[in-house]
C-alpha atoms as a PDB file:
ATOM      1  CA  MET A   1     141.230  79.498 106.659  1.00  0.00           C
ATOM      2  CA  LEU A   2     140.885  79.510 102.855  1.00  0.00           C
ATOM      3  CA  ASP A   3     144.001  81.666 102.403  1.00  0.00           C
ATOM      4  CA  ARG A   4     146.065  79.347 104.629  1.00  0.00           C
ATOM      5  CA  SER A   5     144.996  76.428 102.458  1.00  0.00           C
ATOM      6  CA  GLY A   6     146.248  78.042  99.263  1.00  0.00           C
ATOM      7  CA  LEU A   7     142.779  78.978  98.046  1.00  0.00           C
ATOM      8  CA  GLU A   8     141.900  82.458  96.817  1.00  0.00           C
ATOM      9  CA  VAL A   9     138.621  84.261  97.477  1.00  0.00           C
ATOM     10  CA  VAL A  10     137.726  86.137  94.277  1.00  0.00           C
ATOM     11  CA  GLY A  11     134.504  87.747  95.464  1.00  0.00           C
ATOM     12  CA  VAL A  12     131.839  88.091  98.123  1.00  0.00           C
ATOM     13  CA  ALA A  13     128.118  88.655  97.522  1.00  0.00           C
ATOM     14  CA  LYS A  14     125.693  90.198 100.008  1.00  0.00           C
ATOM     15  CA  ASP A  15     122.521  88.557  98.657  1.00  0.00           C
ATOM     16  CA  GLY A  16     121.320  85.892  96.236  1.00  0.00           C
ATOM     17  CA  ARG A  17     120.917  88.222  93.271  1.00  0.00           C
ATOM     18  CA  ALA A  18     124.437  89.597  93.735  1.00  0.00           C
ATOM     19  CA  LEU A  19     125.699  85.998  93.974  1.00  0.00           C
ATOM     20  CA  VAL A  20     124.153  85.074  90.621  1.00  0.00           C
ATOM     21  CA  GLN A  21     125.654  88.176  89.011  1.00  0.00           C
ATOM     22  CA  ALA A  22     129.106  87.644  90.570  1.00  0.00           C
ATOM     23  CA  ALA A  23     129.116  83.982  89.526  1.00  0.00           C
ATOM     24  CA  SER A  24     128.329  85.004  85.957  1.00  0.00           C
ATOM     25  CA  GLU A  25     130.998  87.700  85.849  1.00  0.00           C
ATOM     26  CA  LYS A  26     133.838  86.039  87.781  1.00  0.00           C
ATOM     27  CA  ARG A  27     133.210  82.379  86.858  1.00  0.00           C
ATOM     28  CA  PRO A  28     134.934  81.052  90.018  1.00  0.00           C
ATOM     29  CA  ASP A  29     136.116  77.463  90.338  1.00  0.00           C
ATOM     30  CA  VAL A  30     133.874  76.942  93.394  1.00  0.00           C
ATOM     31  CA  ILE A  31     130.971  78.965  94.788  1.00  0.00           C
ATOM     32  CA  ILE A  32     130.171  78.787  98.504  1.00  0.00           C
ATOM     33  CA  THR A  33     126.699  79.904  99.523  1.00  0.00           C
ATOM     34  CA  ASP A  34     124.112  79.518 102.269  1.00  0.00           C
ATOM     35  CA  ILE A  35     120.438  78.524 102.197  1.00  0.00           C
ATOM     36  CA  ALA A  36     118.923  81.699 103.671  1.00  0.00           C
ATOM     37  CA  MET A  37     119.951  84.845 101.805  1.00  0.00           C
ATOM     38  CA  PRO A  38     118.048  88.079 101.165  1.00  0.00           C
ATOM     39  CA  LEU A  39     116.386  88.879  97.812  1.00  0.00           C
ATOM     40  CA  LEU A  40     117.011  85.400  96.396  1.00  0.00           C
ATOM     41  CA  ASN A  41     117.603  82.373  98.617  1.00  0.00           C
ATOM     42  CA  GLY A  42     120.653  80.204  98.118  1.00  0.00           C
ATOM     43  CA  VAL A  43     118.769  77.292  96.566  1.00  0.00           C
ATOM     44  CA  ASP A  44     117.159  79.456  93.895  1.00  0.00           C
ATOM     45  CA  ALA A  45     120.440  81.315  93.339  1.00  0.00           C
ATOM     46  CA  ALA A  46     122.197  77.961  92.852  1.00  0.00           C
ATOM     47  CA  ARG A  47     119.465  76.859  90.450  1.00  0.00           C
ATOM     48  CA  GLU A  48     119.968  80.028  88.380  1.00  0.00           C
ATOM     49  CA  ILE A  49     123.775  79.769  88.474  1.00  0.00           C
ATOM     50  CA  HIS A  50     123.562  76.132  87.412  1.00  0.00           C
ATOM     51  CA  ARG A  51     121.141  77.041  84.610  1.00  0.00           C
ATOM     52  CA  GLN A  52     123.650  79.607  83.306  1.00  0.00           C
ATOM     53  CA  ASN A  53     126.688  77.385  83.788  1.00  0.00           C
ATOM     54  CA  ARG A  54     126.134  73.616  84.077  1.00  0.00           C
ATOM     55  CA  LYS A  55     129.775  73.169  85.145  1.00  0.00           C
ATOM     56  CA  ALA A  56     129.442  75.477  88.175  1.00  0.00           C
ATOM     57  CA  LYS A  57     130.632  73.867  91.408  1.00  0.00           C
ATOM     58  CA  ILE A  58     128.435  75.058  94.288  1.00  0.00           C
ATOM     59  CA  ILE A  59     128.927  74.189  97.949  1.00  0.00           C
ATOM     60  CA  PHE A  60     126.335  75.079 100.553  1.00  0.00           C
ATOM     61  CA  LEU A  61     127.860  76.112 103.882  1.00  0.00           C
ATOM     62  CA  THR A  62     124.893  76.224 106.209  1.00  0.00           C
ATOM     63  CA  MET A  63     123.583  75.733 109.720  1.00  0.00           C
ATOM     64  CA  HIS A  64     120.647  73.635 108.430  1.00  0.00           C
ATOM     65  CA  PRO A  65     121.218  69.908 109.143  1.00  0.00           C
ATOM     66  CA  GLU A  66     117.740  68.969 107.903  1.00  0.00           C
ATOM     67  CA  VAL A  67     117.762  66.508 105.042  1.00  0.00           C
ATOM     68  CA  ALA A  68     115.089  68.465 103.141  1.00  0.00           C
ATOM     69  CA  TYR A  69     117.407  71.470 102.807  1.00  0.00           C
ATOM     70  CA  ALA A  70     120.281  69.318 101.580  1.00  0.00           C
ATOM     71  CA  THR A  71     118.171  67.476  99.022  1.00  0.00           C
ATOM     72  CA  ALA A  72     116.790  70.812  97.762  1.00  0.00           C
ATOM     73  CA  ALA A  73     120.345  72.113  97.426  1.00  0.00           C
ATOM     74  CA  PHE A  74     121.444  69.080  95.404  1.00  0.00           C
ATOM     75  CA  ALA A  75     118.323  69.255  93.249  1.00  0.00           C
ATOM     76  CA  ALA A  76     119.292  72.862  92.451  1.00  0.00           C
ATOM     77  CA  GLY A  77     122.730  71.783  91.244  1.00  0.00           C
ATOM     78  CA  ALA A  78     124.892  71.775  94.379  1.00  0.00           C
ATOM     79  CA  SER A  79     128.077  69.735  94.437  1.00  0.00           C
ATOM     80  CA  GLY A  80     128.552  69.912  98.189  1.00  0.00           C
ATOM     81  CA  TYR A  81     126.715  70.492 101.453  1.00  0.00           C
ATOM     82  CA  VAL A  82     128.744  71.368 104.573  1.00  0.00           C
ATOM     83  CA  LEU A  83     127.339  72.160 107.991  1.00  0.00           C
ATOM     84  CA  LYS A  84     128.760  75.270 109.635  1.00  0.00           C
ATOM     85  CA  SER A  85     129.304  73.245 112.802  1.00  0.00           C
ATOM     86  CA  ALA A  86     131.808  71.107 110.863  1.00  0.00           C
ATOM     87  CA  ALA A  87     133.190  73.821 108.587  1.00  0.00           C
ATOM     88  CA  GLY A  88     136.587  74.021 110.263  1.00  0.00           C
ATOM     89  CA  GLU A  89     137.220  70.348 109.583  1.00  0.00           C
ATOM     90  CA  GLU A  90     135.288  69.773 106.380  1.00  0.00           C
ATOM     91  CA  LEU A  91     135.140  72.909 104.228  1.00  0.00           C
ATOM     92  CA  ILE A  92     138.614  72.585 102.683  1.00  0.00           C
ATOM     93  CA  GLU A  93     138.027  68.849 102.196  1.00  0.00           C
ATOM     94  CA  ALA A  94     134.705  69.631 100.485  1.00  0.00           C
ATOM     95  CA  ILE A  95     136.278  72.222  98.177  1.00  0.00           C
ATOM     96  CA  ARG A  96     139.042  69.849  97.113  1.00  0.00           C
ATOM     97  CA  SER A  97     136.564  66.999  96.627  1.00  0.00           C
ATOM     98  CA  VAL A  98     134.252  69.136  94.489  1.00  0.00           C
ATOM     99  CA  LEU A  99     137.179  70.437  92.421  1.00  0.00           C
ATOM    100  CA  ASN A 100     138.082  66.804  91.702  1.00  0.00           C
ATOM    101  CA  GLY A 101     134.587  66.152  90.347  1.00  0.00           C
ATOM    102  CA  HIS A 102     133.089  64.495  93.435  1.00  0.00           C
ATOM    103  CA  THR A 103     130.076  65.308  95.572  1.00  0.00           C
ATOM    104  CA  TYR A 104     130.625  66.154  99.238  1.00  0.00           C
ATOM    105  CA  ILE A 105     128.138  65.934 102.116  1.00  0.00           C
ATOM    106  CA  SER A 106     128.982  66.618 105.763  1.00  0.00           C
ATOM    107  CA  ARG A 107     129.729  63.312 107.422  1.00  0.00           C
ATOM    108  CA  SER A 108     127.138  63.810 110.167  1.00  0.00           C
ATOM    109  CA  ILE A 109     124.232  63.837 107.677  1.00  0.00           C
ATOM    110  CA  ALA A 110     125.661  62.015 104.650  1.00  0.00           C
ATOM    111  CA  LYS A 111     123.793  58.712 105.070  1.00  0.00           C
ATOM    112  CA  SER A 112     120.443  60.420 105.695  1.00  0.00           C
ATOM    113  CA  VAL A 113     120.861  62.727 102.695  1.00  0.00           C
ATOM    114  CA  GLU A 114     121.866  59.914 100.338  1.00  0.00           C
ATOM    115  CA  LYS A 115     118.870  57.846 101.428  1.00  0.00           C
ATOM    116  CA  ALA A 116     116.510  60.801 100.934  1.00  0.00           C
ATOM    117  CA  ARG A 117     117.975  61.526  97.498  1.00  0.00           C
ATOM    118  CA  GLU A 118     117.371  57.895  96.457  1.00  0.00           C
ATOM    119  CA  ILE A 119     113.771  58.072  97.683  1.00  0.00           C
ATOM    120  CA  LYS A 120     113.187  61.439  95.963  1.00  0.00           C
ATOM    121  CA  HIS A 121     114.208  59.960  92.604  1.00  0.00           C
ATOM    122  CA  THR A 122     111.294  57.540  92.884  1.00  0.00           C
ATOM    123  CA  ASN A 123     108.714  60.144  94.027  1.00  0.00           C
ATOM    124  CA  THR A 124     106.883  62.636  91.824  1.00  0.00           C
ATOM    125  CA  GLY A 125     107.807  65.857  93.694  1.00  0.00           C
ATOM    126  CA  SER A 126     106.100  68.523  95.760  1.00  0.00           C
ATOM    127  CA  ALA A 127     103.765  71.407  95.016  1.00  0.00           C
ATOM    128  CA  GLN A 128     106.709  73.795  95.255  1.00  0.00           C
ATOM    129  CA  ASP A 129     108.313  71.991  92.304  1.00  0.00           C
ATOM    130  CA  LEU A 130     105.361  73.276  90.261  1.00  0.00           C
ATOM    131  CA  LEU A 131     106.349  76.919  90.885  1.00  0.00           C
ATOM    132  CA  THR A 132     108.316  78.722  88.206  1.00  0.00           C
ATOM    133  CA  HIS A 133     111.584  80.474  88.976  1.00  0.00           C
ATOM    134  CA  ARG A 134     109.754  83.832  88.894  1.00  0.00           C
ATOM    135  CA  GLN A 135     107.097  82.546  91.288  1.00  0.00           C
ATOM    136  CA  ARG A 136     109.757  81.339  93.751  1.00  0.00           C
ATOM    137  CA  GLU A 137     111.382  84.784  93.572  1.00  0.00           C
ATOM    138  CA  ILE A 138     108.072  86.483  94.315  1.00  0.00           C
ATOM    139  CA  LEU A 139     107.300  84.013  97.112  1.00  0.00           C
ATOM    140  CA  GLN A 140     110.588  84.832  98.814  1.00  0.00           C
ATOM    141  CA  LEU A 141     110.153  88.597  98.450  1.00  0.00           C
ATOM    142  CA  LEU A 142     106.594  88.410  99.836  1.00  0.00           C
ATOM    143  CA  ALA A 143     107.877  86.314 102.742  1.00  0.00           C
ATOM    144  CA  GLU A 144     110.527  88.977 103.407  1.00  0.00           C
ATOM    145  CA  GLY A 145     107.631  91.401 103.952  1.00  0.00           C
ATOM    146  CA  ARG A 146     108.013  93.363 100.732  1.00  0.00           C
ATOM    147  CA  GLN A 147     104.969  95.030  99.192  1.00  0.00           C
ATOM    148  CA  VAL A 148     103.692  94.279  95.682  1.00  0.00           C
ATOM    149  CA  LYS A 149     104.846  97.662  94.280  1.00  0.00           C
ATOM    150  CA  GLU A 150     108.335  97.178  95.746  1.00  0.00           C
ATOM    151  CA  ILE A 151     108.553  93.662  94.282  1.00  0.00           C
ATOM    152  CA  ALA A 152     107.389  94.991  90.920  1.00  0.00           C
ATOM    153  CA  GLY A 153     110.177  97.574  90.996  1.00  0.00           C
ATOM    154  CA  LEU A 154     112.846  95.051  92.011  1.00  0.00           C
ATOM    155  CA  LEU A 155     111.862  92.551  89.326  1.00  0.00           C
ATOM    156  CA  LYS A 156     110.973  95.142  86.680  1.00  0.00           C
ATOM    157  CA  LEU A 157     107.392  93.859  86.420  1.00  0.00           C
ATOM    158  CA  SER A 158     104.024  95.547  86.646  1.00  0.00           C
ATOM    159  CA  PRO A 159     102.206  95.354  90.001  1.00  0.00           C
ATOM    160  CA  LYS A 160      99.401  93.456  88.205  1.00  0.00           C
ATOM    161  CA  THR A 161     101.878  90.802  87.083  1.00  0.00           C
ATOM    162  CA  VAL A 162     103.179  90.442  90.641  1.00  0.00           C
ATOM    163  CA  GLU A 163      99.598  90.125  91.916  1.00  0.00           C
ATOM    164  CA  PHE A 164      98.870  87.483  89.277  1.00  0.00           C
ATOM    165  CA  HIS A 165     101.922  85.464  90.375  1.00  0.00           C
ATOM    166  CA  LYS A 166     101.028  85.910  94.052  1.00  0.00           C
ATOM    167  CA  TYR A 167      97.570  84.419  93.550  1.00  0.00           C
ATOM    168  CA  ARG A 168      98.917  81.652  91.312  1.00  0.00           C
ATOM    169  CA  ILE A 169     101.453  80.724  94.025  1.00  0.00           C
ATOM    170  CA  MET A 170      98.698  80.685  96.644  1.00  0.00           C
ATOM    171  CA  SER A 171      96.590  78.451  94.406  1.00  0.00           C
ATOM    172  CA  VAL A 172      99.402  75.973  93.675  1.00  0.00           C
ATOM    173  CA  LEU A 173     100.419  75.751  97.340  1.00  0.00           C
ATOM    174  CA  GLY A 174      96.842  75.653  98.622  1.00  0.00           C
ATOM    175  CA  LEU A 175      97.287  78.776 100.771  1.00  0.00           C
ATOM    176  CA  ARG A 176      94.902  81.672 101.339  1.00  0.00           C
ATOM    177  CA  THR A 177      96.934  84.453 102.944  1.00  0.00           C
ATOM    178  CA  VAL A 178     100.271  86.210 102.573  1.00  0.00           C
ATOM    179  CA  ALA A 179     101.007  85.138 106.156  1.00  0.00           C
ATOM    180  CA  GLY A 180     100.531  81.547 105.021  1.00  0.00           C
ATOM    181  CA  LEU A 181     102.950  82.171 102.160  1.00  0.00           C
ATOM    182  CA  ALA A 182     105.486  83.606 104.617  1.00  0.00           C
ATOM    183  CA  ARG A 183     105.200  80.570 106.907  1.00  0.00           C
ATOM    184  CA  HIS A 184     105.573  78.226 103.924  1.00  0.00           C
ATOM    185  CA  ALA A 185     108.669  80.085 102.683  1.00  0.00           C
ATOM    186  CA  GLN A 186     110.184  79.979 106.169  1.00  0.00           C
ATOM    187  CA  LYS A 187     109.526  76.232 106.406  1.00  0.00           C
ATOM    188  CA  LEU A 188     111.366  75.802 103.091  1.00  0.00           C
ATOM    189  CA  GLY A 189     114.338  77.838 104.340  1.00  0.00           C
ATOM    190  CA  MET A 190     113.754  80.661 101.843  1.00  0.00           C
ATOM    191  CA  VAL A 191     113.760  83.172 104.723  1.00  0.00           C
ATOM    192  CA  GLU A 192     114.736  82.978 108.364  1.00  0.00           C
END
C-alpha cells in the first residue's frame, strides 16, 4: 500500500529498542509504530525518539481505540493516531497530513481524543507520570515476565539497581506484587 502511494519504507524494527535505534540512525520522514511492542512499548519508544529528535513525526497504527492510549501517544510526541481497522482508508492520509505539519487522528475517535486531550491539559496527571523513563522500561520488562538478572543484563545495570527501581515503581503505583505490576502494565497497553 505504501509503495503504491509513492512512499518508501526505509526500515522495519522488531521491538521498541530497535525502533529507537533505527529512528536515530535512519532519521526517516515519518515513523509508524504500535502501542504494544516487546522490550520497549511504542509510547515509551516514541517518547525516547521525540527526546532525541523533536522534529520526529510519529504515527501510531494500532488496534487500540481507547482514548487513554491515544492521549498517551500524543503526550509522548505522536503526530498521528490511526486505528488498524481504518488503516486502508486513513494511513496514507495520515502520513501526508503529518508530513504537512498537521496532527491526524482516526475519524472514528477524533472527537473523543480531542476532548480528552483538552481535559488532560487542565488535570495534574497520573501516578505513572511520576515514573522515570528507566522505571517505565523496568516496569515493562517485569510485566513481560523477565527476571531481575535478565533485566539487569539487558539494561546494563546491577541487579540491585533493578530491584531498587522495582520497589520504587511499586511504591509510586501503590502496588505490592509483581503480578500487580504486570496487570497495571497490561492496563496501560505496555504489554498484551
